[in-house]
């Protein structure tokens, strides 16, 4: 079986990029002939509104002859123009797409329906979105073993990990830590660091704050669980199934300050539960779900 994975990013700070990189590794470890097509080995115009389209056109020429072509964004649907069988994974969900692209979102969902002869399955990393739209839930993944091997940092901070994007709501994080007067680091905004350095700080952190207005199933959540770092997050659908492993609060500074005050009494329970459930999302386990899907389609 030959599988092509298509995503603009591969590894790095991008959540979907890390997902694709781990899936690529997992497939090869299971003996699947897998190729990843991304911006590092394909081409696209640097014009923002044309980047996804031109990347898709270039990628479509590279994936002919594969048994399954798996694109990791509805924006990359043109890649499936010559594919025998395709899989589309939605990482952020409809709300995030509408925040970013507005009415274009409707065109993306129409495209998925219109290409149902080629799109054999639509998966999402978000359980809520899968149940709402009738898609298949295959969760996000991380490398638990690699995280366990990283040594903790010598200093402890309150952490933010993500890009400076309105959806990630960095402004809320800044206001909360200002009111708390705590030492903090915002990786991806105030400071760019290699993955291992971020993980080392998670291992010694006071907590990770996920202030996002919306998420699918963020990689940083899984990494924090594997790092035994407690997480405070907004009460949004992505996190509600994991309310026993995340301290949930409302998206206003006052509630965040209150939640931080509750953290110490709940820390041990949150860390223990996160460590238990993250093994379900190790890339070796999640890769098996994708392989079973590919085999059914091929």
Protein backbone atom coordinates (compact mmCIF):
# COMPACT_ATOMS: atom_id res chain seq x y z
CA UNK A 1 0.00 0.00 0.00
CA UNK A 2 1.34 3.43 -1.02
CA UNK A 3 0.16 6.49 0.92
CA UNK A 4 0.87 10.17 0.23
CA UNK A 5 0.52 12.66 3.09
CA UNK A 6 -0.02 16.25 1.95
CA UNK A 7 0.26 19.33 4.17
CA UNK A 8 1.88 22.70 3.64
CA UNK A 9 3.87 22.37 6.89
CA UNK A 10 5.87 19.40 8.11
CA UNK A 11 7.13 19.29 11.70
CA UNK A 12 8.18 22.59 13.24
CA UNK A 13 5.82 24.70 15.34
CA UNK A 14 2.70 23.92 13.33
CA UNK A 15 0.28 21.52 15.04
CA UNK A 16 -0.81 19.94 11.76
CA UNK A 17 2.84 19.84 10.67
CA UNK A 18 3.83 17.87 13.75
CA UNK A 19 0.83 15.58 13.27
CA UNK A 20 1.88 14.79 9.70
CA UNK A 21 5.52 14.28 10.67
CA UNK A 22 4.60 11.79 13.40
CA UNK A 23 2.13 9.98 11.15
CA UNK A 24 4.76 9.74 8.43
CA UNK A 25 7.21 8.25 10.91
CA UNK A 26 4.61 5.84 12.30
CA UNK A 27 3.61 4.60 8.85
CA UNK A 28 7.21 3.90 7.86
CA UNK A 29 7.82 2.07 11.14
CA UNK A 30 4.83 -0.16 10.29
CA UNK A 31 6.22 -0.93 6.85
CA UNK A 32 3.81 1.29 4.88
CA UNK A 33 5.31 2.98 1.82
CA UNK A 34 4.56 6.59 2.75
CA UNK A 35 5.67 9.89 1.21
CA UNK A 36 5.10 13.34 2.72
CA UNK A 37 4.57 16.25 0.33
CA UNK A 38 5.02 19.69 1.94
CA UNK A 39 6.39 23.16 1.29
CA UNK A 40 9.93 21.91 1.80
CA UNK A 41 9.81 19.55 -1.17
CA UNK A 42 7.10 21.05 -3.39
CA UNK A 43 6.33 24.54 -4.65
CA UNK A 44 3.79 27.31 -4.17
CA UNK A 45 3.46 31.00 -4.91
CA UNK A 46 4.25 33.17 -1.90
CA UNK A 47 1.04 35.21 -2.36
CA UNK A 48 -1.14 34.48 0.73
CA UNK A 49 -4.44 34.05 -1.14
CA UNK A 50 -2.83 31.78 -3.74
CA UNK A 51 -0.43 29.81 -1.55
CA UNK A 52 -2.75 26.87 -0.75
CA UNK A 53 -4.14 26.64 -4.28
CA UNK A 54 -0.76 26.68 -6.02
CA UNK A 55 0.71 24.25 -3.49
CA UNK A 56 -2.24 21.91 -4.14
CA UNK A 57 -1.66 22.03 -7.89
CA UNK A 58 2.00 21.18 -7.47
CA UNK A 59 1.24 18.43 -4.97
CA UNK A 60 -1.42 16.88 -7.22
CA UNK A 61 1.26 16.16 -9.81
CA UNK A 62 3.40 14.34 -7.25
CA UNK A 63 0.77 12.02 -5.79
CA UNK A 64 -0.42 10.19 -8.90
CA UNK A 65 -0.32 6.42 -8.55
CA UNK A 66 -0.71 6.31 -4.77
CA UNK A 67 -3.37 4.05 -3.29
CA UNK A 68 -4.46 6.74 -0.80
CA UNK A 69 -3.78 10.48 -0.84
CA UNK A 70 -4.32 12.05 2.58
CA UNK A 71 -4.63 15.86 2.69
CA UNK A 72 -4.55 17.59 6.05
CA UNK A 73 -6.72 20.61 5.29
CA UNK A 74 -9.89 21.13 3.22
CA UNK A 75 -7.96 23.95 1.51
CA UNK A 76 -5.86 21.27 -0.17
CA UNK A 77 -8.80 19.52 -1.89
CA UNK A 78 -7.44 20.30 -5.41
CA UNK A 79 -4.60 17.88 -4.61
CA UNK A 80 -7.13 15.05 -5.01
CA UNK A 81 -7.94 15.93 -8.61
CA UNK A 82 -6.05 12.88 -9.94
CA UNK A 83 -6.21 10.68 -6.83
CA UNK A 84 -7.89 7.30 -6.84
CA UNK A 85 -8.94 7.59 -3.20
CA UNK A 86 -8.52 10.46 -0.79
CA UNK A 87 -8.77 11.23 2.91
CA UNK A 88 -9.32 14.75 4.25
CA UNK A 89 -8.39 15.60 7.84
CA UNK A 90 -9.82 18.72 9.46
CA UNK A 91 -7.56 19.87 12.29
CA UNK A 92 -9.24 23.01 13.58
CA UNK A 93 -12.93 22.53 12.93
CA UNK A 94 -15.60 24.70 11.37
CA UNK A 95 -15.53 27.51 13.94
CA UNK A 96 -11.80 28.09 13.47
CA UNK A 97 -12.20 28.02 9.69
CA UNK A 98 -14.95 30.63 9.88
CA UNK A 99 -12.82 32.83 12.14
CA UNK A 100 -10.04 32.73 9.55
CA UNK A 101 -11.81 32.49 6.20
CA UNK A 102 -15.42 33.61 6.74
CA UNK A 103 -17.87 32.54 3.98
CA UNK A 104 -15.10 30.67 2.12
CA UNK A 105 -15.70 27.93 4.72
CA UNK A 106 -19.00 27.03 3.05
CA UNK A 107 -17.17 26.53 -0.24
CA UNK A 108 -14.71 24.17 1.46
CA UNK A 109 -17.48 21.99 2.91
CA UNK A 110 -19.27 22.03 -0.47
CA UNK A 111 -16.02 20.91 -2.09
CA UNK A 112 -15.79 17.92 0.25
CA UNK A 113 -19.34 16.88 -0.65
CA UNK A 114 -18.77 17.49 -4.36
CA UNK A 115 -15.68 15.27 -4.36
CA UNK A 116 -17.29 12.40 -2.49
CA UNK A 117 -16.36 10.08 -5.34
CA UNK A 118 -12.69 10.66 -4.50
CA UNK A 119 -12.94 11.54 -0.80
CA UNK A 120 -13.33 8.17 0.89
CA UNK A 121 -13.34 9.58 4.42
CA UNK A 122 -13.24 12.85 6.33
CA UNK A 123 -11.49 12.66 9.70
CA UNK A 124 -11.04 15.24 12.41
CA UNK A 125 -8.86 15.39 15.51
CA UNK A 126 -11.77 16.95 17.41
CA UNK A 127 -14.34 14.58 18.93
CA UNK A 128 -17.02 17.31 19.11
CA UNK A 129 -16.70 18.06 15.39
CA UNK A 130 -16.80 14.37 14.48
CA UNK A 131 -20.05 13.84 16.39
CA UNK A 132 -21.62 17.03 15.03
CA UNK A 133 -20.82 16.44 11.37
CA UNK A 134 -20.73 12.65 11.16
CA UNK A 135 -17.01 12.54 10.41
CA UNK A 136 -14.52 10.01 11.76
CA UNK A 137 -12.68 10.92 14.95
CA UNK A 138 -8.98 10.07 14.84
CA UNK A 139 -7.26 12.12 17.54
CA UNK A 140 -4.12 14.18 17.46
CA UNK A 141 -0.90 12.47 18.51
CA UNK A 142 2.44 12.99 20.24
CA UNK A 143 5.63 11.05 20.92
CA UNK A 144 5.32 10.12 24.58
CA UNK A 145 8.63 8.27 24.71
CA UNK A 146 10.60 11.20 23.25
CA UNK A 147 9.02 13.60 25.76
CA UNK A 148 9.89 11.31 28.67
CA UNK A 149 13.55 11.45 27.65
CA UNK A 150 13.79 15.27 27.87
CA UNK A 151 15.28 16.68 31.07
CA UNK A 152 13.33 19.43 32.88
CA UNK A 153 14.56 23.02 32.77
CA UNK A 154 16.11 24.57 35.85
CA UNK A 155 13.62 27.46 35.97
CA UNK A 156 9.85 27.39 36.37
CA UNK A 157 7.42 29.67 34.57
CA UNK A 158 3.77 30.01 33.64
CA UNK A 159 3.78 29.09 29.94
CA UNK A 160 2.00 30.07 26.76
CA UNK A 161 2.85 28.02 23.65
CA UNK A 162 1.44 29.14 20.31
CA UNK A 163 1.49 31.72 17.56
CA UNK A 164 0.40 35.33 17.93
CA UNK A 165 -3.00 34.77 16.35
CA UNK A 166 -6.38 36.14 17.50
CA UNK A 167 -7.64 32.55 17.84
CA UNK A 168 -4.83 31.72 20.30
CA UNK A 169 -5.78 34.83 22.33
CA UNK A 170 -2.31 35.81 23.49
CA UNK A 171 -3.77 39.11 24.73
CA UNK A 172 -5.77 37.24 27.37
CA UNK A 173 -2.62 35.44 28.52
CA UNK A 174 -0.75 38.73 28.88
CA UNK A 175 -3.55 40.28 30.91
CA UNK A 176 -3.81 37.25 33.22
CA UNK A 177 -0.08 37.06 34.00
CA UNK A 178 -0.02 40.84 34.48
CA UNK A 179 -2.69 40.54 37.15
CA UNK A 180 -1.04 37.52 38.76
CA UNK A 181 2.44 39.10 38.66
CA UNK A 182 4.06 35.72 37.89
CA UNK A 183 7.15 34.82 35.88
CA UNK A 184 6.08 33.70 32.44
CA UNK A 185 7.33 32.77 28.98
CA UNK A 186 5.29 32.89 25.77
CA UNK A 187 6.92 30.47 23.33
CA UNK A 188 6.06 31.30 19.75
CA UNK A 189 5.35 34.96 20.52
CA UNK A 190 7.91 36.42 22.92
CA UNK A 191 10.46 33.70 22.33
CA UNK A 192 11.12 31.11 19.63
CA UNK A 193 12.82 27.92 20.82
CA UNK A 194 13.47 24.36 19.62
CA UNK A 195 10.89 21.70 20.50
CA UNK A 196 13.08 20.06 23.16
CA UNK A 197 13.58 23.36 24.96
CA UNK A 198 9.83 23.97 25.05
CA UNK A 199 9.26 20.47 26.45
CA UNK A 200 11.96 20.97 29.08
CA UNK A 201 10.19 24.09 30.29
CA UNK A 202 6.85 22.26 30.32
CA UNK A 203 8.43 19.70 32.63
CA UNK A 204 9.37 22.38 35.16
CA UNK A 205 6.45 24.76 34.58
CA UNK A 206 3.99 26.13 37.10
CA UNK A 207 1.36 25.42 34.43
CA UNK A 208 0.53 25.78 30.75
CA UNK A 209 -2.20 28.29 29.92
CA UNK A 210 -4.18 27.59 26.74
CA UNK A 211 -6.15 30.81 26.26
CA UNK A 212 -7.44 29.93 22.77
CA UNK A 213 -10.91 30.94 21.69
CA UNK A 214 -11.13 27.68 19.74
CA UNK A 215 -9.05 24.54 19.29
CA UNK A 216 -9.32 21.17 17.61
CA UNK A 217 -7.06 19.00 19.76
CA UNK A 218 -3.81 20.95 20.18
CA UNK A 219 -0.45 19.23 20.24
CA UNK A 220 0.62 21.38 23.20
CA UNK A 221 -2.12 19.81 25.34
CA UNK A 222 -0.79 16.29 24.69
CA UNK A 223 2.79 17.45 25.22
CA UNK A 224 1.86 19.05 28.54
CA UNK A 225 0.15 15.85 29.71
CA UNK A 226 3.20 13.79 28.77
CA UNK A 227 5.43 16.36 30.53
CA UNK A 228 3.35 16.19 33.74
CA UNK A 229 2.55 19.89 33.36
CA UNK A 230 -0.89 20.99 34.63
CA UNK A 231 -3.06 22.81 32.10
CA UNK A 232 -5.55 25.65 32.52
CA UNK A 233 -7.72 26.27 29.46
CA UNK A 234 -10.86 28.01 28.28
CA UNK A 235 -14.09 26.07 28.56
CA UNK A 236 -14.53 25.21 24.88
CA UNK A 237 -15.81 22.00 23.20
CA UNK A 238 -12.33 20.66 22.41
CA UNK A 239 -11.44 20.39 26.11
CA UNK A 240 -14.75 19.42 27.70
CA UNK A 241 -14.27 15.65 27.11
CA UNK A 242 -11.04 15.95 29.13
CA UNK A 243 -12.37 18.01 32.04
CA UNK A 244 -10.79 15.60 34.53
CA UNK A 245 -7.33 16.34 33.08
CA UNK A 246 -7.63 20.09 32.38
CA UNK A 247 -8.64 22.92 34.72
CA UNK A 248 -11.35 24.68 32.70
CA UNK A 249 -12.43 28.27 33.16
CA UNK A 250 -14.28 31.06 31.36
CA UNK A 251 -12.48 33.33 28.88
CA UNK A 252 -12.27 36.45 31.06
CA UNK A 253 -9.26 37.52 33.16
CA UNK A 254 -11.13 37.39 36.48
CA UNK A 255 -12.08 33.74 36.05
CA UNK A 256 -8.55 32.88 34.97
CA UNK A 257 -7.10 34.46 38.09
CA UNK A 258 -9.55 32.44 40.19
CA UNK A 259 -8.64 29.23 38.35
CA UNK A 260 -4.95 29.84 38.95
CA UNK A 261 -5.73 30.15 42.65
CA UNK A 262 -7.33 26.68 42.56
CA UNK A 263 -4.42 25.09 40.72
CA UNK A 264 -2.27 24.00 43.64
CA UNK A 265 -5.03 21.97 45.27
CA UNK A 266 -5.88 20.24 41.97
CA UNK A 267 -2.37 19.88 40.52
CA UNK A 268 -1.72 16.24 41.51
CA UNK A 269 -5.07 15.03 40.16
CA UNK A 270 -4.67 16.90 36.86
CA UNK A 271 -1.12 15.68 36.32
CA UNK A 272 -1.96 12.07 37.19
CA UNK A 273 -4.99 11.93 34.89
CA UNK A 274 -3.18 13.64 32.01
CA UNK A 275 -0.31 11.17 32.28
CA UNK A 276 -2.79 8.28 32.17
CA UNK A 277 -4.73 9.32 29.10
CA UNK A 278 -1.91 10.71 26.95
CA UNK A 279 -0.71 7.17 26.20
CA UNK A 280 -3.90 6.69 24.18
CA UNK A 281 -2.62 9.47 21.91
CA UNK A 282 0.93 8.25 21.37
CA UNK A 283 1.71 8.31 17.65
CA UNK A 284 2.27 4.56 17.54
CA UNK A 285 -1.33 3.96 18.65
CA UNK A 286 -2.95 6.66 16.52
CA UNK A 287 -1.04 5.56 13.42
CA UNK A 288 -2.77 2.18 13.72
CA UNK A 289 -6.17 3.89 13.36
CA UNK A 290 -5.05 5.56 10.15
CA UNK A 291 -3.63 2.33 8.75
CA UNK A 292 -6.94 0.53 9.31
CA UNK A 293 -8.72 3.38 7.49
CA UNK A 294 -6.29 3.32 4.56
CA UNK A 295 -6.62 -0.45 4.21
CA UNK A 296 -10.41 -0.22 4.14
CA UNK A 297 -10.26 2.45 1.42
CA UNK A 298 -7.53 0.87 -0.66
